[in-house]
Amino acid sequence: MGEIVAKFIVKLFGGNSILGTMFLAMLPITELKVAIPMGMSESIWGSSALPTWQAFLWALLGSCLVVPVVALLFRPIYNWMKDKKFFKTIVDFLVGDITKRSEKIKAENQGKTARRTLWLKILAVFLFVAFPVPLTGVWTGTCFAVLLGLNFWVICAAVIAGNVLCGGIVTLACNAFPQITDILLIVFLLLILAAIITKVILHVLKKRRAIVTTENATLETDPEANK
């Protein structure tokens, strides 16, 4: 199975490991957490596998190119989709957690000075992106920053800075254990899959709780509805 995937990736990018690494880093699921070890993988690229520093730089470039695009487009797309019944569930699933987190941070910082609030928001975005864990990265980090109300240039600076640290951590891990780069890649992919499955399960449970709560509220206000 792994050999089939490897051949598909090499064929897709014509054996160009630089292009493949950049493209994978631009995707919202893989980002540079997957792109770096994949770009270094000799079992995938053979002699075209990238050295550690090149894998880091090309993956960083690819993922950072996404930031200004998402920063500019997320707010209008989000505002349009959240008011449409068909898209509301999708929006809630994709950014519901970071929307709540941004509202919580805003509430916690009410009454504090504008300068302190700004730096706390920047720190929150930086740390959100910096830790190399699934479903956090430049895509969700940029959306998070937009929901916090940060301006375009601050968003780009905070997200890119966090992305540099995240990429550095992944690169150091791959460089420290070059003989198990492929294992690290598999681990990252499994963690991403586990995170997605967990998010889906939690979303379904949340919807069911909401339905039960609504039904209970209806029965309390209208006892005849249970008859």
C-alpha atoms as a PDB file:
ATOM      1  CA  MET A   1       0.000   0.000   0.000  1.00  0.00           C
ATOM      2  CA  GLY A   2       2.773   2.408   0.991  1.00  0.00           C
ATOM      3  CA  GLU A   3       4.634   1.638  -2.256  1.00  0.00           C
ATOM      4  CA  ILE A   4       1.520   2.406  -4.307  1.00  0.00           C
ATOM      5  CA  VAL A   5       1.050   5.778  -2.538  1.00  0.00           C
ATOM      6  CA  ALA A   6       4.738   6.614  -2.999  1.00  0.00           C
ATOM      7  CA  LYS A   7       4.602   5.836  -6.742  1.00  0.00           C
ATOM      8  CA  PHE A   8       1.438   7.905  -7.112  1.00  0.00           C
ATOM      9  CA  ILE A   9       3.036  10.925  -5.405  1.00  0.00           C
ATOM     10  CA  VAL A  10       6.195  10.719  -7.514  1.00  0.00           C
ATOM     11  CA  LYS A  11       4.149  10.345 -10.703  1.00  0.00           C
ATOM     12  CA  LEU A  12       1.836  13.209  -9.762  1.00  0.00           C
ATOM     13  CA  PHE A  13       4.736  15.650  -9.465  1.00  0.00           C
ATOM     14  CA  GLY A  14       6.923  14.133 -12.138  1.00  0.00           C
ATOM     15  CA  GLY A  15       9.613  13.218  -9.628  1.00  0.00           C
ATOM     16  CA  ASN A  16      10.012  16.899  -8.670  1.00  0.00           C
ATOM     17  CA  SER A  17      10.431  16.693  -4.894  1.00  0.00           C
ATOM     18  CA  ILE A  18      10.576  20.497  -4.514  1.00  0.00           C
ATOM     19  CA  LEU A  19       7.235  21.016  -6.238  1.00  0.00           C
ATOM     20  CA  GLY A  20       5.711  18.089  -4.353  1.00  0.00           C
ATOM     21  CA  THR A  21       6.938  19.377  -0.997  1.00  0.00           C
ATOM     22  CA  MET A  22       5.631  22.892  -1.631  1.00  0.00           C
ATOM     23  CA  PHE A  23       2.251  21.632  -2.808  1.00  0.00           C
ATOM     24  CA  LEU A  24       1.767  19.351   0.191  1.00  0.00           C
ATOM     25  CA  ALA A  25       2.728  22.213   2.504  1.00  0.00           C
ATOM     26  CA  MET A  26       0.008  24.375   0.957  1.00  0.00           C
ATOM     27  CA  LEU A  27      -2.781  21.887   1.665  1.00  0.00           C
ATOM     28  CA  PRO A  28      -4.899  22.480   4.808  1.00  0.00           C
ATOM     29  CA  ILE A  29      -4.576  18.927   6.145  1.00  0.00           C
ATOM     30  CA  THR A  30      -0.943  18.082   5.485  1.00  0.00           C
ATOM     31  CA  GLU A  31       0.786  21.503   5.706  1.00  0.00           C
ATOM     32  CA  LEU A  32       4.501  21.471   6.527  1.00  0.00           C
ATOM     33  CA  LYS A  33       4.110  18.930   9.336  1.00  0.00           C
ATOM     34  CA  VAL A  34       3.693  16.270   6.649  1.00  0.00           C
ATOM     35  CA  ALA A  35       5.489  18.030   3.783  1.00  0.00           C
ATOM     36  CA  ILE A  36       8.874  18.167   5.550  1.00  0.00           C
ATOM     37  CA  PRO A  37       9.292  14.441   6.337  1.00  0.00           C
ATOM     38  CA  MET A  38       7.734  13.531   2.998  1.00  0.00           C
ATOM     39  CA  GLY A  39      10.139  15.800   1.129  1.00  0.00           C
ATOM     40  CA  MET A  40      13.056  14.125   2.930  1.00  0.00           C
ATOM     41  CA  SER A  41      11.787  10.582   2.338  1.00  0.00           C
ATOM     42  CA  GLU A  42      14.147   8.559   0.122  1.00  0.00           C
ATOM     43  CA  SER A  43      11.587   5.754  -0.091  1.00  0.00           C
ATOM     44  CA  ILE A  44       9.254   8.190  -1.892  1.00  0.00           C
ATOM     45  CA  TRP A  45      11.623  10.378  -3.938  1.00  0.00           C
ATOM     46  CA  GLY A  46      14.696   8.175  -4.168  1.00  0.00           C
ATOM     47  CA  SER A  47      17.773  10.165  -5.130  1.00  0.00           C
ATOM     48  CA  SER A  48      15.592  13.287  -5.535  1.00  0.00           C
ATOM     49  CA  ALA A  49      14.789  13.384  -1.800  1.00  0.00           C
ATOM     50  CA  LEU A  50      15.543  16.800  -0.328  1.00  0.00           C
ATOM     51  CA  PRO A  51      18.231  17.519   2.255  1.00  0.00           C
ATOM     52  CA  THR A  52      16.895  18.583   5.651  1.00  0.00           C
ATOM     53  CA  TRP A  53      17.330  22.332   5.190  1.00  0.00           C
ATOM     54  CA  GLN A  54      15.800  22.303   1.695  1.00  0.00           C
ATOM     55  CA  ALA A  55      12.781  20.316   2.850  1.00  0.00           C
ATOM     56  CA  PHE A  56      12.275  22.884   5.617  1.00  0.00           C
ATOM     57  CA  LEU A  57      12.670  25.945   3.360  1.00  0.00           C
ATOM     58  CA  TRP A  58      10.475  24.715   0.496  1.00  0.00           C
ATOM     59  CA  ALA A  59       7.765  23.468   2.866  1.00  0.00           C
ATOM     60  CA  LEU A  60       7.899  26.750   4.771  1.00  0.00           C
ATOM     61  CA  LEU A  61       7.595  28.751   1.566  1.00  0.00           C
ATOM     62  CA  GLY A  62       4.648  26.710   0.347  1.00  0.00           C
ATOM     63  CA  SER A  63       2.728  26.962   3.615  1.00  0.00           C
ATOM     64  CA  CYS A  64       3.454  30.675   4.060  1.00  0.00           C
ATOM     65  CA  LEU A  65       2.084  31.488   0.585  1.00  0.00           C
ATOM     66  CA  VAL A  66      -1.330  30.425   1.878  1.00  0.00           C
ATOM     67  CA  VAL A  67      -1.426  32.929   4.755  1.00  0.00           C
ATOM     68  CA  PRO A  68      -2.186  36.224   2.931  1.00  0.00           C
ATOM     69  CA  VAL A  69      -4.766  34.509   0.695  1.00  0.00           C
ATOM     70  CA  VAL A  70      -6.687  33.045   3.650  1.00  0.00           C
ATOM     71  CA  ALA A  71      -6.331  36.308   5.619  1.00  0.00           C
ATOM     72  CA  LEU A  72      -7.972  38.245   2.786  1.00  0.00           C
ATOM     73  CA  LEU A  73     -10.687  35.776   1.786  1.00  0.00           C
ATOM     74  CA  PHE A  74     -11.753  34.037   4.998  1.00  0.00           C
ATOM     75  CA  ARG A  75     -13.905  36.811   6.505  1.00  0.00           C
ATOM     76  CA  PRO A  76     -16.141  37.483   3.441  1.00  0.00           C
ATOM     77  CA  ILE A  77     -16.518  33.758   2.712  1.00  0.00           C
ATOM     78  CA  TYR A  78     -17.250  33.017   6.388  1.00  0.00           C
ATOM     79  CA  ASN A  79     -19.868  35.796   6.617  1.00  0.00           C
ATOM     80  CA  TRP A  80     -21.550  34.568   3.448  1.00  0.00           C
ATOM     81  CA  MET A  81     -21.596  30.874   4.386  1.00  0.00           C
ATOM     82  CA  LYS A  82     -22.698  31.205   8.015  1.00  0.00           C
ATOM     83  CA  ASP A  83     -25.989  32.844   6.972  1.00  0.00           C
ATOM     84  CA  LYS A  84     -26.834  30.073   4.506  1.00  0.00           C
ATOM     85  CA  LYS A  85     -28.701  27.145   6.029  1.00  0.00           C
ATOM     86  CA  PHE A  86     -26.985  24.604   3.771  1.00  0.00           C
ATOM     87  CA  PHE A  87     -23.463  25.807   4.641  1.00  0.00           C
ATOM     88  CA  LYS A  88     -24.040  26.578   8.326  1.00  0.00           C
ATOM     89  CA  THR A  89     -23.312  23.001   9.425  1.00  0.00           C
ATOM     90  CA  ILE A  90     -20.127  22.943   7.362  1.00  0.00           C
ATOM     91  CA  VAL A  91     -18.959  26.253   8.836  1.00  0.00           C
ATOM     92  CA  ASP A  92     -19.730  25.073  12.359  1.00  0.00           C
ATOM     93  CA  PHE A  93     -17.804  21.842  11.778  1.00  0.00           C
ATOM     94  CA  LEU A  94     -14.753  23.493  10.230  1.00  0.00           C
ATOM     95  CA  VAL A  95     -14.308  26.596  12.372  1.00  0.00           C
ATOM     96  CA  GLY A  96     -16.757  26.180  15.247  1.00  0.00           C
ATOM     97  CA  ASP A  97     -14.008  25.415  17.760  1.00  0.00           C
ATOM     98  CA  ILE A  98     -11.770  28.332  16.800  1.00  0.00           C
ATOM     99  CA  THR A  99     -14.782  30.657  16.700  1.00  0.00           C
ATOM    100  CA  LYS A 100     -15.593  29.782  20.317  1.00  0.00           C
ATOM    101  CA  ARG A 101     -11.928  30.101  21.282  1.00  0.00           C
ATOM    102  CA  SER A 102     -11.673  33.547  19.710  1.00  0.00           C
ATOM    103  CA  GLU A 103     -14.855  34.720  21.462  1.00  0.00           C
ATOM    104  CA  LYS A 104     -13.511  33.403  24.782  1.00  0.00           C
ATOM    105  CA  ILE A 105     -10.238  35.308  24.363  1.00  0.00           C
ATOM    106  CA  LYS A 106     -12.123  38.477  23.460  1.00  0.00           C
ATOM    107  CA  ALA A 107     -14.317  38.113  26.561  1.00  0.00           C
ATOM    108  CA  GLU A 108     -11.338  37.442  28.839  1.00  0.00           C
ATOM    109  CA  ASN A 109      -9.558  40.554  27.611  1.00  0.00           C
ATOM    110  CA  GLN A 110     -12.429  42.991  27.991  1.00  0.00           C
ATOM    111  CA  GLY A 111     -11.398  45.903  30.167  1.00  0.00           C
ATOM    112  CA  LYS A 112      -7.679  45.423  29.544  1.00  0.00           C
ATOM    113  CA  THR A 113      -5.627  47.999  27.691  1.00  0.00           C
ATOM    114  CA  ALA A 114      -5.732  47.853  23.905  1.00  0.00           C
ATOM    115  CA  ARG A 115      -1.972  47.277  23.670  1.00  0.00           C
ATOM    116  CA  ARG A 116      -2.010  44.381  26.139  1.00  0.00           C
ATOM    117  CA  THR A 117      -5.038  42.835  24.449  1.00  0.00           C
ATOM    118  CA  LEU A 118      -3.319  43.045  21.061  1.00  0.00           C
ATOM    119  CA  TRP A 119      -0.192  41.267  22.299  1.00  0.00           C
ATOM    120  CA  LEU A 120      -2.221  38.568  24.042  1.00  0.00           C
ATOM    121  CA  LYS A 121      -4.094  37.894  20.806  1.00  0.00           C
ATOM    122  CA  ILE A 122      -0.838  37.760  18.847  1.00  0.00           C
ATOM    123  CA  LEU A 123       0.632  35.343  21.394  1.00  0.00           C
ATOM    124  CA  ALA A 124      -2.467  33.150  21.221  1.00  0.00           C
ATOM    125  CA  VAL A 125      -2.216  32.931  17.415  1.00  0.00           C
ATOM    126  CA  PHE A 126       1.540  32.319  17.517  1.00  0.00           C
ATOM    127  CA  LEU A 127       1.246  29.447  20.006  1.00  0.00           C
ATOM    128  CA  PHE A 128      -1.754  27.990  18.177  1.00  0.00           C
ATOM    129  CA  VAL A 129       0.279  27.670  14.974  1.00  0.00           C
ATOM    130  CA  ALA A 130       3.647  26.841  16.551  1.00  0.00           C
ATOM    131  CA  PHE A 131       2.805  23.490  18.145  1.00  0.00           C
ATOM    132  CA  PRO A 132       3.097  20.692  15.546  1.00  0.00           C
ATOM    133  CA  VAL A 133      -0.157  18.925  16.345  1.00  0.00           C
ATOM    134  CA  PRO A 134      -2.971  17.946  13.950  1.00  0.00           C
ATOM    135  CA  LEU A 135      -5.554  20.515  12.801  1.00  0.00           C
ATOM    136  CA  THR A 136      -3.461  23.491  13.902  1.00  0.00           C
ATOM    137  CA  GLY A 137      -1.391  25.336  11.331  1.00  0.00           C
ATOM    138  CA  VAL A 138      -1.455  28.257   8.938  1.00  0.00           C
ATOM    139  CA  TRP A 139      -4.996  27.582   7.691  1.00  0.00           C
ATOM    140  CA  THR A 140      -6.757  27.325  11.043  1.00  0.00           C
ATOM    141  CA  GLY A 141      -4.310  29.775  12.646  1.00  0.00           C
ATOM    142  CA  THR A 142      -5.083  32.452  10.061  1.00  0.00           C
ATOM    143  CA  CYS A 143      -8.836  31.899  10.446  1.00  0.00           C
ATOM    144  CA  PHE A 144      -8.371  32.141  14.220  1.00  0.00           C
ATOM    145  CA  ALA A 145      -6.473  35.434  13.848  1.00  0.00           C
ATOM    146  CA  VAL A 146      -9.156  36.890  11.564  1.00  0.00           C
ATOM    147  CA  LEU A 147     -11.885  35.991  14.074  1.00  0.00           C
ATOM    148  CA  LEU A 148      -9.849  37.707  16.797  1.00  0.00           C
ATOM    149  CA  GLY A 149     -10.058  40.919  14.779  1.00  0.00           C
ATOM    150  CA  LEU A 150      -6.353  41.314  14.016  1.00  0.00           C
ATOM    151  CA  ASN A 151      -5.380  43.333  10.944  1.00  0.00           C
ATOM    152  CA  PHE A 152      -3.860  41.807   7.829  1.00  0.00           C
ATOM    153  CA  TRP A 153      -0.182  42.507   8.509  1.00  0.00           C
ATOM    154  CA  VAL A 154      -0.365  41.430  12.147  1.00  0.00           C
ATOM    155  CA  ILE A 155      -2.071  38.200  11.084  1.00  0.00           C
ATOM    156  CA  CYS A 156       0.646  37.448   8.528  1.00  0.00           C
ATOM    157  CA  ALA A 157       3.448  38.197  11.010  1.00  0.00           C
ATOM    158  CA  ALA A 158       1.988  36.136  13.873  1.00  0.00           C
ATOM    159  CA  VAL A 159       1.027  33.124  11.750  1.00  0.00           C
ATOM    160  CA  ILE A 160       4.286  33.015   9.790  1.00  0.00           C
ATOM    161  CA  ALA A 161       6.346  33.339  12.978  1.00  0.00           C
ATOM    162  CA  GLY A 162       4.452  30.424  14.527  1.00  0.00           C
ATOM    163  CA  ASN A 163       4.832  28.455  11.304  1.00  0.00           C
ATOM    164  CA  VAL A 164       8.608  28.945  11.336  1.00  0.00           C
ATOM    165  CA  LEU A 165       8.799  27.519  14.865  1.00  0.00           C
ATOM    166  CA  CYS A 166       6.505  24.613  13.962  1.00  0.00           C
ATOM    167  CA  GLY A 167       8.613  23.813  10.904  1.00  0.00           C
ATOM    168  CA  GLY A 168      11.772  24.069  12.972  1.00  0.00           C
ATOM    169  CA  ILE A 169      10.470  21.560  15.522  1.00  0.00           C
ATOM    170  CA  VAL A 170       9.458  19.067  12.816  1.00  0.00           C
ATOM    171  CA  THR A 171      12.771  19.519  10.996  1.00  0.00           C
ATOM    172  CA  LEU A 172      14.790  18.999  14.171  1.00  0.00           C
ATOM    173  CA  ALA A 173      12.848  15.815  14.893  1.00  0.00           C
ATOM    174  CA  CYS A 174      13.492  14.501  11.375  1.00  0.00           C
ATOM    175  CA  ASN A 175      17.140  15.566  11.503  1.00  0.00           C
ATOM    176  CA  ALA A 176      17.686  13.982  14.912  1.00  0.00           C
ATOM    177  CA  PHE A 177      16.247  10.657  13.721  1.00  0.00           C
ATOM    178  CA  PRO A 178      16.921  10.545   9.952  1.00  0.00           C
ATOM    179  CA  GLN A 179      16.717   6.757   9.904  1.00  0.00           C
ATOM    180  CA  ILE A 180      13.052   6.861  10.957  1.00  0.00           C
ATOM    181  CA  THR A 181      11.863   9.779   8.816  1.00  0.00           C
ATOM    182  CA  ASP A 182       9.322   7.534   7.100  1.00  0.00           C
ATOM    183  CA  ILE A 183       8.043   6.399  10.504  1.00  0.00           C
ATOM    184  CA  LEU A 184       7.638  10.024  11.603  1.00  0.00           C
ATOM    185  CA  LEU A 185       5.716  10.708   8.408  1.00  0.00           C
ATOM    186  CA  ILE A 186       3.358   7.797   9.098  1.00  0.00           C
ATOM    187  CA  VAL A 187       2.929   8.965  12.705  1.00  0.00           C
ATOM    188  CA  PHE A 188       1.981  12.487  11.551  1.00  0.00           C
ATOM    189  CA  LEU A 189      -0.526  11.076   9.056  1.00  0.00           C
ATOM    190  CA  LEU A 190      -2.075   8.769  11.657  1.00  0.00           C
ATOM    191  CA  LEU A 191      -2.356  11.630  14.142  1.00  0.00           C
ATOM    192  CA  ILE A 192      -4.099  13.763  11.536  1.00  0.00           C
ATOM    193  CA  LEU A 193      -6.506  10.926  10.725  1.00  0.00           C
ATOM    194  CA  ALA A 194      -7.210  10.350  14.426  1.00  0.00           C
ATOM    195  CA  ALA A 195      -7.817  14.070  14.969  1.00  0.00           C
ATOM    196  CA  ILE A 196     -10.264  14.248  12.061  1.00  0.00           C
ATOM    197  CA  ILE A 197     -12.184  11.180  13.251  1.00  0.00           C
ATOM    198  CA  THR A 198     -12.310  12.573  16.797  1.00  0.00           C
ATOM    199  CA  LYS A 199     -13.560  15.929  15.518  1.00  0.00           C
ATOM    200  CA  VAL A 200     -16.313  14.243  13.499  1.00  0.00           C
ATOM    201  CA  ILE A 201     -17.425  12.151  16.490  1.00  0.00           C
ATOM    202  CA  LEU A 202     -17.451  15.161  18.821  1.00  0.00           C
ATOM    203  CA  HIS A 203     -19.385  17.192  16.250  1.00  0.00           C
ATOM    204  CA  VAL A 204     -22.034  14.466  15.932  1.00  0.00           C
ATOM    205  CA  LEU A 205     -22.329  14.151  19.723  1.00  0.00           C
ATOM    206  CA  LYS A 206     -22.637  17.927  20.025  1.00  0.00           C
ATOM    207  CA  LYS A 207     -25.475  17.969  17.495  1.00  0.00           C
ATOM    208  CA  ARG A 208     -27.270  15.147  19.308  1.00  0.00           C
ATOM    209  CA  ARG A 209     -26.951  16.935  22.648  1.00  0.00           C
ATOM    210  CA  ALA A 210     -28.338  20.085  21.059  1.00  0.00           C
ATOM    211  CA  ILE A 211     -31.336  18.139  19.700  1.00  0.00           C
ATOM    212  CA  VAL A 212     -31.991  16.491  23.074  1.00  0.00           C
ATOM    213  CA  THR A 213     -31.719  19.841  24.872  1.00  0.00           C
ATOM    214  CA  THR A 214     -34.167  21.433  22.430  1.00  0.00           C
ATOM    215  CA  GLU A 215     -36.622  18.563  22.847  1.00  0.00           C
ATOM    216  CA  ASN A 216     -36.406  18.746  26.648  1.00  0.00           C
ATOM    217  CA  ALA A 217     -36.936  22.494  26.578  1.00  0.00           C
ATOM    218  CA  THR A 218     -40.004  21.993  24.379  1.00  0.00           C
ATOM    219  CA  LEU A 219     -41.468  19.421  26.774  1.00  0.00           C
ATOM    220  CA  GLU A 220     -40.899  21.720  29.756  1.00  0.00           C
ATOM    221  CA  THR A 221     -42.632  24.667  28.099  1.00  0.00           C
ATOM    222  CA  ASP A 222     -45.364  22.577  26.451  1.00  0.00           C
ATOM    223  CA  PRO A 223     -46.239  19.448  28.511  1.00  0.00           C
ATOM    224  CA  GLU A 224     -48.990  18.603  26.029  1.00  0.00           C
ATOM    225  CA  ALA A 225     -46.327  17.930  23.375  1.00  0.00           C
ATOM    226  CA  ASN A 226     -45.430  14.678  25.175  1.00  0.00           C
ATOM    227  CA  LYS A 227     -48.962  13.341  25.022  1.00  0.00           C
END
